[in-house]
């Protein structure tokens, strides 16, 4: 009878001890037009770093057209210069929606405005280290709509090693 329970218990213990999205290396908060970096990230040849985009949006904001450009370098040499897919929905984690509100006054009277805040993380890109060494990851948030006041959400980059 105990043999029937042994496999499920071992499976649950094994699964709970690993992190299916990888070990978090760093979180970088993005600000429009600024470059943020994770420097001296030690990697071994073949290590895979997954770049996750953490986004917080609000239904009350119109939002703009944003792009995140990034550069990965080692020993002063650029290895990968690209941009992230901010709309990727293939692998989304930690998604949550909350309802919020605020009071608005106008000439016709006061009213309550309700809106939804959506926070989530999406897998944006993978990088495989070509050699042992220290790597630098640089990211820049760019507003392509030239309407900086419309972006009320928050954005961050999370680097995870799988």
Protein backbone atom coordinates (compact mmCIF):
# COMPACT_ATOMS: atom_id res chain seq x y z
CA UNK A 1 0.00 0.00 0.00
CA UNK A 2 2.82 2.46 0.79
CA UNK A 3 4.31 1.87 -2.68
CA UNK A 4 1.24 3.54 -4.18
CA UNK A 5 1.98 6.75 -2.31
CA UNK A 6 5.74 6.82 -2.73
CA UNK A 7 5.87 8.04 -6.36
CA UNK A 8 3.39 10.94 -5.93
CA UNK A 9 5.19 12.13 -2.79
CA UNK A 10 8.61 12.01 -4.49
CA UNK A 11 7.21 13.76 -7.58
CA UNK A 12 5.71 16.59 -5.51
CA UNK A 13 8.92 17.02 -3.50
CA UNK A 14 11.04 17.08 -6.66
CA UNK A 15 8.78 19.54 -8.47
CA UNK A 16 8.49 21.90 -5.50
CA UNK A 17 12.27 22.10 -5.14
CA UNK A 18 12.86 23.48 -8.64
CA UNK A 19 11.82 26.79 -10.09
CA UNK A 20 10.21 26.20 -13.50
CA UNK A 21 10.99 29.74 -14.76
CA UNK A 22 14.57 29.84 -13.48
CA UNK A 23 16.56 31.49 -10.74
CA UNK A 24 16.09 35.26 -10.58
CA UNK A 25 19.37 37.09 -11.21
CA UNK A 26 18.18 40.70 -11.06
CA UNK A 27 15.25 43.09 -11.54
CA UNK A 28 15.83 46.33 -13.45
CA UNK A 29 13.20 49.09 -13.29
CA UNK A 30 12.85 50.89 -16.64
CA UNK A 31 12.35 54.63 -17.11
CA UNK A 32 11.62 56.21 -20.47
CA UNK A 33 14.80 57.13 -22.33
CA UNK A 34 17.21 55.91 -19.64
CA UNK A 35 19.65 53.01 -19.93
CA UNK A 36 19.64 50.51 -17.07
CA UNK A 37 22.24 47.77 -16.75
CA UNK A 38 23.02 44.50 -15.04
CA UNK A 39 26.81 44.26 -15.05
CA UNK A 40 29.26 41.51 -14.14
CA UNK A 41 26.72 38.69 -14.51
CA UNK A 42 28.82 35.52 -14.21
CA UNK A 43 27.80 32.84 -16.69
CA UNK A 44 29.23 29.51 -17.79
CA UNK A 45 29.25 28.40 -21.40
CA UNK A 46 25.77 27.13 -22.26
CA UNK A 47 23.97 28.94 -19.42
CA UNK A 48 20.61 30.24 -20.59
CA UNK A 49 19.36 33.62 -19.37
CA UNK A 50 15.71 34.37 -20.03
CA UNK A 51 14.70 38.03 -20.26
CA UNK A 52 11.25 38.60 -18.77
CA UNK A 53 9.31 41.85 -19.09
CA UNK A 54 7.26 42.83 -16.05
CA UNK A 55 4.43 45.18 -16.99
CA UNK A 56 1.76 47.02 -15.03
CA UNK A 57 -0.92 48.67 -17.17
CA UNK A 58 -4.12 50.48 -16.41
CA UNK A 59 -7.34 50.56 -18.44
CA UNK A 60 -7.64 54.30 -17.71
CA UNK A 61 -4.41 55.06 -19.62
CA UNK A 62 -4.39 55.17 -23.38
CA UNK A 63 -0.85 53.79 -23.48
CA UNK A 64 1.78 54.55 -26.05
CA UNK A 65 3.88 52.67 -28.54
CA UNK A 66 6.89 51.53 -26.54
CA UNK A 67 9.93 49.49 -27.40
CA UNK A 68 12.73 48.08 -25.26
CA UNK A 69 16.09 47.86 -26.96
CA UNK A 70 18.86 45.83 -25.37
CA UNK A 71 22.52 45.01 -25.76
CA UNK A 72 24.41 42.07 -24.27
CA UNK A 73 28.18 42.32 -24.16
CA UNK A 74 31.21 40.55 -22.77
CA UNK A 75 34.82 41.77 -22.62
CA UNK A 76 33.80 45.03 -24.30
CA UNK A 77 32.35 43.22 -27.33
CA UNK A 78 28.65 43.41 -28.24
CA UNK A 79 27.18 39.91 -28.61
CA UNK A 80 23.50 40.65 -29.18
CA UNK A 81 21.77 43.95 -30.04
CA UNK A 82 18.01 43.57 -30.43
CA UNK A 83 14.62 44.69 -29.13
CA UNK A 84 12.12 42.86 -26.95
CA UNK A 85 8.66 41.74 -27.94
CA UNK A 86 6.57 43.50 -25.30
CA UNK A 87 3.34 41.94 -26.55
CA UNK A 88 4.46 38.31 -26.32
CA UNK A 89 1.75 36.22 -24.71
CA UNK A 90 3.19 32.74 -25.23
CA UNK A 91 4.48 32.46 -21.68
CA UNK A 92 2.83 34.77 -19.13
CA UNK A 93 3.24 34.32 -15.37
CA UNK A 94 2.26 36.14 -12.17
CA UNK A 95 -0.73 37.72 -13.88
CA UNK A 96 -3.22 39.53 -11.69
CA UNK A 97 -5.95 42.09 -12.27
CA UNK A 98 -7.32 44.45 -9.64
CA UNK A 99 -10.21 46.87 -9.77
CA UNK A 100 -9.47 50.38 -8.57
CA UNK A 101 -11.26 53.74 -8.57
CA UNK A 102 -10.86 57.44 -7.93
CA UNK A 103 -13.20 60.42 -7.52
CA UNK A 104 -13.37 62.94 -10.32
CA UNK A 105 -14.85 66.43 -10.00
CA UNK A 106 -16.32 68.34 -12.90
CA UNK A 107 -18.76 71.19 -13.50
CA UNK A 108 -21.62 68.67 -13.57
CA UNK A 109 -20.67 67.13 -10.21
CA UNK A 110 -18.52 64.46 -8.66
CA UNK A 111 -18.27 60.97 -10.06
CA UNK A 112 -16.33 57.80 -9.37
CA UNK A 113 -14.14 56.42 -12.15
CA UNK A 114 -13.48 52.68 -12.08
CA UNK A 115 -10.53 51.08 -13.89
CA UNK A 116 -8.56 47.84 -14.01
CA UNK A 117 -4.85 47.44 -13.26
CA UNK A 118 -3.22 44.44 -14.93
CA UNK A 119 0.20 43.25 -13.76
CA UNK A 120 2.02 40.37 -15.41
CA UNK A 121 5.39 39.01 -16.52
CA UNK A 122 6.00 37.78 -20.05
CA UNK A 123 8.94 35.84 -21.44
CA UNK A 124 10.52 38.10 -24.06
CA UNK A 125 13.88 36.62 -25.15
CA UNK A 126 16.47 33.93 -24.34
CA UNK A 127 20.25 34.30 -24.44
CA UNK A 128 22.72 31.41 -24.31
CA UNK A 129 26.21 32.27 -23.05
CA UNK A 130 28.78 31.36 -25.72
CA UNK A 131 31.67 31.13 -23.21
CA UNK A 132 32.49 31.35 -19.50
CA UNK A 133 32.78 34.94 -18.34
CA UNK A 134 31.17 38.13 -17.10
CA UNK A 135 28.34 39.65 -19.13
CA UNK A 136 26.61 43.03 -19.15
CA UNK A 137 22.93 43.41 -20.04
CA UNK A 138 21.83 46.96 -21.03
CA UNK A 139 18.19 47.96 -21.61
CA UNK A 140 16.56 51.18 -22.83
CA UNK A 141 12.82 51.97 -22.89
CA UNK A 142 11.90 54.07 -25.92
CA UNK A 143 8.61 55.90 -26.49
CA UNK A 144 7.93 55.67 -30.23
CA UNK A 145 4.70 57.69 -30.02
CA UNK A 146 6.43 60.84 -28.65
CA UNK A 147 3.58 61.21 -26.17
CA UNK A 148 5.32 60.54 -22.87
CA UNK A 149 2.35 61.57 -20.73
CA UNK A 150 0.24 58.62 -21.91
CA UNK A 151 2.41 55.92 -20.35
CA UNK A 152 1.11 55.49 -16.81
CA UNK A 153 2.15 51.89 -16.41
CA UNK A 154 5.30 50.51 -14.88
CA UNK A 155 7.83 48.29 -16.61
CA UNK A 156 10.78 46.25 -15.42
CA UNK A 157 13.16 43.65 -16.80
CA UNK A 158 13.76 40.43 -14.88
CA UNK A 159 16.74 38.29 -15.76
CA UNK A 160 16.37 34.61 -14.83
CA UNK A 161 18.90 31.83 -15.33
CA UNK A 162 17.36 28.51 -16.29
